[in-house]
Amino acid sequence: MLKFCNRAIPHLVLASLLLSPLALVGCAAHAGYRVYDPDDGTYHYWRDGEVRYYNQWEHETHRHHQDFRKRSPDEQKQYWQWRQTHGDHNQNNNGHDHDQNH
């Protein structure tokens, strides 16, 4: 049994090293990112919940799906104006980051 464990340890270490980047990518995708809202001068955290509202905005405004970060500044502004009147945007600060220095 000890002989098996000594041979298995390097394989387990190698496997963990190869799989760890996949775990980090999954965590990063779940964490989201910050986007700037020029109308109210704040940053918003773009997380899974925001995607639902963004998809609704695309549908209601008859737009093809496109990553928010690739939209023009004008379209991003239109989204934030729409978002001000939909959902829980104004409740509990909804993930705002009022640190405007970033």
N, C-alpha and C. Protein backbone atom coordinates (compact mmCIF):
# COMPACT_ATOMS: atom_id res chain seq x y z
N MET A 1 0.83 -1.20 0.00
CA MET A 1 0.00 0.00 0.00
C MET A 1 0.87 1.26 0.00
N LEU A 2 1.92 1.26 0.81
CA LEU A 2 2.81 2.41 0.88
C LEU A 2 3.51 2.64 -0.46
N LYS A 3 3.86 1.57 -1.13
CA LYS A 3 4.52 1.66 -2.43
C LYS A 3 3.58 2.33 -3.45
N PHE A 4 2.29 1.97 -3.41
CA PHE A 4 1.29 2.57 -4.30
C PHE A 4 1.15 4.06 -4.01
N CYS A 5 1.08 4.44 -2.74
CA CYS A 5 0.93 5.85 -2.37
C CYS A 5 2.12 6.67 -2.84
N ASN A 6 3.33 6.14 -2.70
CA ASN A 6 4.52 6.88 -3.12
C ASN A 6 4.51 7.11 -4.63
N ARG A 7 3.99 6.17 -5.40
CA ARG A 7 3.92 6.33 -6.85
C ARG A 7 2.76 7.23 -7.26
N ALA A 8 1.70 7.25 -6.48
CA ALA A 8 0.51 8.02 -6.83
C ALA A 8 0.66 9.52 -6.54
N ILE A 9 1.49 9.87 -5.56
CA ILE A 9 1.61 11.28 -5.15
C ILE A 9 2.05 12.18 -6.30
N PRO A 10 3.10 11.85 -7.05
CA PRO A 10 3.47 12.74 -8.16
C PRO A 10 2.35 12.90 -9.20
N HIS A 11 1.60 11.85 -9.44
CA HIS A 11 0.50 11.93 -10.39
C HIS A 11 -0.62 12.83 -9.88
N LEU A 12 -0.90 12.75 -8.59
CA LEU A 12 -1.92 13.61 -8.00
C LEU A 12 -1.49 15.08 -8.02
N VAL A 13 -0.23 15.33 -7.73
CA VAL A 13 0.28 16.70 -7.77
C VAL A 13 0.19 17.25 -9.19
N LEU A 14 0.60 16.47 -10.16
CA LEU A 14 0.53 16.91 -11.56
C LEU A 14 -0.90 17.18 -11.98
N ALA A 15 -1.80 16.28 -11.61
CA ALA A 15 -3.21 16.47 -11.97
C ALA A 15 -3.77 17.75 -11.34
N SER A 16 -3.43 18.01 -10.09
CA SER A 16 -3.95 19.22 -9.44
C SER A 16 -3.38 20.48 -10.09
N LEU A 17 -2.12 20.44 -10.51
CA LEU A 17 -1.53 21.59 -11.19
C LEU A 17 -2.18 21.84 -12.54
N LEU A 18 -2.53 20.79 -13.23
CA LEU A 18 -3.16 20.95 -14.54
C LEU A 18 -4.60 21.41 -14.44
N LEU A 19 -5.30 21.01 -13.39
CA LEU A 19 -6.72 21.34 -13.25
C LEU A 19 -6.97 22.67 -12.54
N SER A 20 -6.01 23.19 -11.79
CA SER A 20 -6.24 24.41 -11.02
C SER A 20 -6.60 25.61 -11.88
N PRO A 21 -6.01 25.82 -13.08
CA PRO A 21 -6.45 26.98 -13.89
C PRO A 21 -7.92 26.90 -14.29
N LEU A 22 -8.44 25.71 -14.49
CA LEU A 22 -9.85 25.57 -14.84
C LEU A 22 -10.73 26.03 -13.69
N ALA A 23 -10.35 25.71 -12.48
CA ALA A 23 -11.13 26.12 -11.31
C ALA A 23 -11.10 27.64 -11.18
N LEU A 24 -9.95 28.25 -11.43
CA LEU A 24 -9.85 29.71 -11.31
C LEU A 24 -10.66 30.42 -12.37
N VAL A 25 -10.69 29.89 -13.57
CA VAL A 25 -11.49 30.49 -14.64
C VAL A 25 -12.97 30.45 -14.28
N GLY A 26 -13.43 29.34 -13.74
CA GLY A 26 -14.82 29.23 -13.32
C GLY A 26 -15.17 30.24 -12.25
N CYS A 27 -14.28 30.46 -11.30
CA CYS A 27 -14.53 31.42 -10.24
C CYS A 27 -14.54 32.84 -10.79
N ALA A 28 -13.64 33.14 -11.69
CA ALA A 28 -13.58 34.49 -12.26
C ALA A 28 -14.83 34.80 -13.06
N ALA A 29 -15.33 33.83 -13.81
CA ALA A 29 -16.54 34.06 -14.60
C ALA A 29 -17.73 34.30 -13.71
N HIS A 30 -17.75 33.68 -12.56
CA HIS A 30 -18.86 33.83 -11.63
C HIS A 30 -18.79 35.16 -10.88
N ALA A 31 -17.59 35.67 -10.69
CA ALA A 31 -17.41 36.89 -9.91
C ALA A 31 -17.90 38.13 -10.65
N GLY A 32 -17.82 38.13 -11.96
CA GLY A 32 -18.27 39.26 -12.75
C GLY A 32 -17.17 40.28 -12.93
N TYR A 33 -17.56 41.49 -13.34
CA TYR A 33 -16.61 42.57 -13.59
C TYR A 33 -17.32 43.89 -13.37
N ARG A 34 -16.56 44.97 -13.34
CA ARG A 34 -17.14 46.30 -13.12
C ARG A 34 -17.32 47.03 -14.44
N VAL A 35 -18.42 47.74 -14.55
CA VAL A 35 -18.66 48.60 -15.71
C VAL A 35 -19.08 49.98 -15.20
N TYR A 36 -18.74 50.98 -15.95
CA TYR A 36 -18.99 52.37 -15.55
C TYR A 36 -20.31 52.86 -16.11
N ASP A 37 -21.08 53.53 -15.28
CA ASP A 37 -22.34 54.15 -15.69
C ASP A 37 -22.11 55.66 -15.68
N PRO A 38 -21.95 56.27 -16.86
CA PRO A 38 -21.63 57.70 -16.89
C PRO A 38 -22.77 58.60 -16.41
N ASP A 39 -24.01 58.14 -16.46
CA ASP A 39 -25.14 58.98 -16.04
C ASP A 39 -25.10 59.30 -14.55
N ASP A 40 -24.82 58.28 -13.73
CA ASP A 40 -24.78 58.56 -12.30
C ASP A 40 -23.36 58.53 -11.74
N GLY A 41 -22.37 58.36 -12.62
CA GLY A 41 -20.97 58.46 -12.21
C GLY A 41 -20.50 57.36 -11.29
N THR A 42 -21.09 56.17 -11.43
CA THR A 42 -20.71 55.06 -10.56
C THR A 42 -20.34 53.83 -11.38
N TYR A 43 -19.71 52.91 -10.70
CA TYR A 43 -19.42 51.61 -11.28
C TYR A 43 -20.47 50.63 -10.81
N HIS A 44 -20.80 49.68 -11.66
CA HIS A 44 -21.74 48.60 -11.32
C HIS A 44 -21.00 47.29 -11.48
N TYR A 45 -21.30 46.35 -10.62
CA TYR A 45 -20.75 45.01 -10.78
C TYR A 45 -21.64 44.24 -11.74
N TRP A 46 -21.06 43.75 -12.80
CA TRP A 46 -21.78 42.99 -13.81
C TRP A 46 -21.67 41.53 -13.42
N ARG A 47 -22.71 41.01 -12.80
CA ARG A 47 -22.74 39.62 -12.34
C ARG A 47 -23.86 38.88 -13.05
N ASP A 48 -24.04 37.63 -12.69
CA ASP A 48 -25.06 36.80 -13.33
C ASP A 48 -26.44 37.45 -13.33
N GLY A 49 -26.81 38.11 -12.24
CA GLY A 49 -28.13 38.73 -12.16
C GLY A 49 -28.32 39.85 -13.16
N GLU A 50 -27.25 40.58 -13.46
CA GLU A 50 -27.36 41.69 -14.41
C GLU A 50 -27.59 41.19 -15.82
N VAL A 51 -27.08 40.01 -16.11
CA VAL A 51 -27.24 39.42 -17.45
C VAL A 51 -28.72 39.25 -17.79
N ARG A 52 -29.50 38.89 -16.80
CA ARG A 52 -30.95 38.70 -17.02
C ARG A 52 -31.59 40.01 -17.48
N TYR A 53 -31.25 41.11 -16.81
CA TYR A 53 -31.81 42.41 -17.19
C TYR A 53 -31.28 42.85 -18.55
N TYR A 54 -30.01 42.60 -18.81
CA TYR A 54 -29.42 42.98 -20.10
C TYR A 54 -30.09 42.23 -21.24
N ASN A 55 -30.32 40.95 -21.05
CA ASN A 55 -31.02 40.16 -22.08
C ASN A 55 -32.43 40.68 -22.30
N GLN A 56 -33.09 41.08 -21.22
CA GLN A 56 -34.44 41.64 -21.33
C GLN A 56 -34.39 42.95 -22.11
N TRP A 57 -33.41 43.80 -21.84
CA TRP A 57 -33.25 45.06 -22.57
C TRP A 57 -33.02 44.81 -24.05
N GLU A 58 -32.14 43.85 -24.37
CA GLU A 58 -31.91 43.53 -25.78
C GLU A 58 -33.20 43.09 -26.46
N HIS A 59 -33.96 42.26 -25.76
CA HIS A 59 -35.22 41.76 -26.34
C HIS A 59 -36.23 42.91 -26.53
N GLU A 60 -36.42 43.70 -25.49
CA GLU A 60 -37.41 44.78 -25.55
C GLU A 60 -37.05 45.86 -26.57
N THR A 61 -35.77 46.05 -26.79
CA THR A 61 -35.34 47.10 -27.73
C THR A 61 -34.95 46.53 -29.09
N HIS A 62 -35.26 45.26 -29.29
CA HIS A 62 -35.07 44.58 -30.58
C HIS A 62 -33.62 44.65 -31.07
N ARG A 63 -32.70 44.37 -30.16
CA ARG A 63 -31.28 44.35 -30.52
C ARG A 63 -30.80 42.90 -30.60
N HIS A 64 -29.82 42.68 -31.45
CA HIS A 64 -29.17 41.38 -31.49
C HIS A 64 -28.27 41.28 -30.27
N HIS A 65 -28.05 40.04 -29.81
CA HIS A 65 -27.21 39.86 -28.62
C HIS A 65 -25.77 40.24 -28.93
N GLN A 66 -25.18 40.99 -28.02
CA GLN A 66 -23.79 41.39 -28.12
C GLN A 66 -23.28 41.61 -26.70
N ASP A 67 -22.04 41.26 -26.46
CA ASP A 67 -21.44 41.50 -25.15
C ASP A 67 -21.56 42.99 -24.83
N PHE A 68 -21.98 43.30 -23.61
CA PHE A 68 -22.18 44.69 -23.21
C PHE A 68 -20.93 45.52 -23.44
N ARG A 69 -19.75 44.97 -23.13
CA ARG A 69 -18.50 45.72 -23.26
C ARG A 69 -18.16 46.05 -24.70
N LYS A 70 -18.79 45.38 -25.66
CA LYS A 70 -18.54 45.66 -27.08
C LYS A 70 -19.53 46.64 -27.67
N ARG A 71 -20.54 47.01 -26.91
CA ARG A 71 -21.52 47.99 -27.40
C ARG A 71 -20.91 49.38 -27.39
N SER A 72 -21.46 50.23 -28.23
CA SER A 72 -20.99 51.61 -28.29
C SER A 72 -21.30 52.32 -26.97
N PRO A 73 -20.56 53.37 -26.65
CA PRO A 73 -20.86 54.13 -25.43
C PRO A 73 -22.31 54.63 -25.40
N ASP A 74 -22.84 54.99 -26.57
CA ASP A 74 -24.23 55.47 -26.62
C ASP A 74 -25.21 54.35 -26.24
N GLU A 75 -24.97 53.14 -26.76
CA GLU A 75 -25.85 52.02 -26.41
C GLU A 75 -25.70 51.64 -24.94
N GLN A 76 -24.49 51.69 -24.42
CA GLN A 76 -24.30 51.40 -23.01
C GLN A 76 -25.06 52.41 -22.15
N LYS A 77 -25.02 53.65 -22.55
CA LYS A 77 -25.77 54.70 -21.85
C LYS A 77 -27.27 54.42 -21.91
N GLN A 78 -27.75 54.02 -23.09
CA GLN A 78 -29.17 53.68 -23.23
C GLN A 78 -29.55 52.53 -22.30
N TYR A 79 -28.66 51.56 -22.20
CA TYR A 79 -28.96 50.43 -21.30
C TYR A 79 -29.09 50.92 -19.86
N TRP A 80 -28.12 51.74 -19.40
CA TRP A 80 -28.18 52.18 -18.01
C TRP A 80 -29.41 53.05 -17.75
N GLN A 81 -29.81 53.85 -18.73
CA GLN A 81 -31.04 54.63 -18.56
C GLN A 81 -32.24 53.71 -18.43
N TRP A 82 -32.30 52.67 -19.24
CA TRP A 82 -33.38 51.69 -19.16
C TRP A 82 -33.32 50.97 -17.82
N ARG A 83 -32.14 50.63 -17.40
CA ARG A 83 -31.95 49.83 -16.18
C ARG A 83 -32.38 50.59 -14.94
N GLN A 84 -32.30 51.92 -14.97
CA GLN A 84 -32.72 52.73 -13.83
C GLN A 84 -34.19 52.50 -13.48
N THR A 85 -34.99 52.11 -14.45
CA THR A 85 -36.43 51.96 -14.22
C THR A 85 -36.88 50.50 -14.18
N HIS A 86 -35.94 49.56 -14.19
CA HIS A 86 -36.31 48.14 -14.21
C HIS A 86 -35.61 47.37 -13.09
N GLY A 87 -36.36 46.48 -12.50
CA GLY A 87 -35.77 45.57 -11.51
C GLY A 87 -35.42 46.24 -10.21
N ASP A 88 -34.42 45.68 -9.55
CA ASP A 88 -34.02 46.12 -8.21
C ASP A 88 -32.87 47.11 -8.24
N HIS A 89 -32.74 47.86 -9.31
CA HIS A 89 -31.60 48.76 -9.50
C HIS A 89 -31.38 49.71 -8.33
N ASN A 90 -32.44 50.23 -7.78
CA ASN A 90 -32.30 51.23 -6.73
C ASN A 90 -32.42 50.66 -5.32
N GLN A 91 -32.51 49.37 -5.19
CA GLN A 91 -32.66 48.76 -3.88
C GLN A 91 -31.32 48.25 -3.37
N ASN A 92 -31.02 48.52 -2.10
CA ASN A 92 -29.84 47.98 -1.43
C ASN A 92 -28.55 48.22 -2.19
N ASN A 93 -28.45 49.33 -2.88
CA ASN A 93 -27.24 49.71 -3.61
C ASN A 93 -26.90 48.78 -4.76
N ASN A 94 -27.54 47.66 -4.90
CA ASN A 94 -27.43 46.72 -6.02
C ASN A 94 -26.03 46.56 -6.60
N GLY A 95 -25.05 46.41 -5.74
CA GLY A 95 -23.71 46.14 -6.23
C GLY A 95 -22.98 47.35 -6.76
N HIS A 96 -23.42 48.54 -6.41
CA HIS A 96 -22.71 49.73 -6.86
C HIS A 96 -21.38 49.82 -6.13
N ASP A 97 -20.42 50.35 -6.81
CA ASP A 97 -19.13 50.66 -6.22
C ASP A 97 -18.93 52.15 -6.43
N HIS A 98 -19.13 52.92 -5.39
CA HIS A 98 -19.09 54.37 -5.54
C HIS A 98 -17.68 54.93 -5.52
N ASP A 99 -16.69 54.07 -5.56
CA ASP A 99 -15.31 54.52 -5.66
C ASP A 99 -15.05 54.93 -7.10
N GLN A 100 -15.07 56.19 -7.38
CA GLN A 100 -14.96 56.69 -8.74
C GLN A 100 -13.51 56.86 -9.17
N ASN A 101 -12.58 56.47 -8.36
CA ASN A 101 -11.16 56.64 -8.69
C ASN A 101 -10.61 55.51 -9.52
N HIS A 102 -11.41 54.53 -9.88
CA HIS A 102 -10.91 53.39 -10.65
C HIS A 102 -11.39 53.45 -12.08
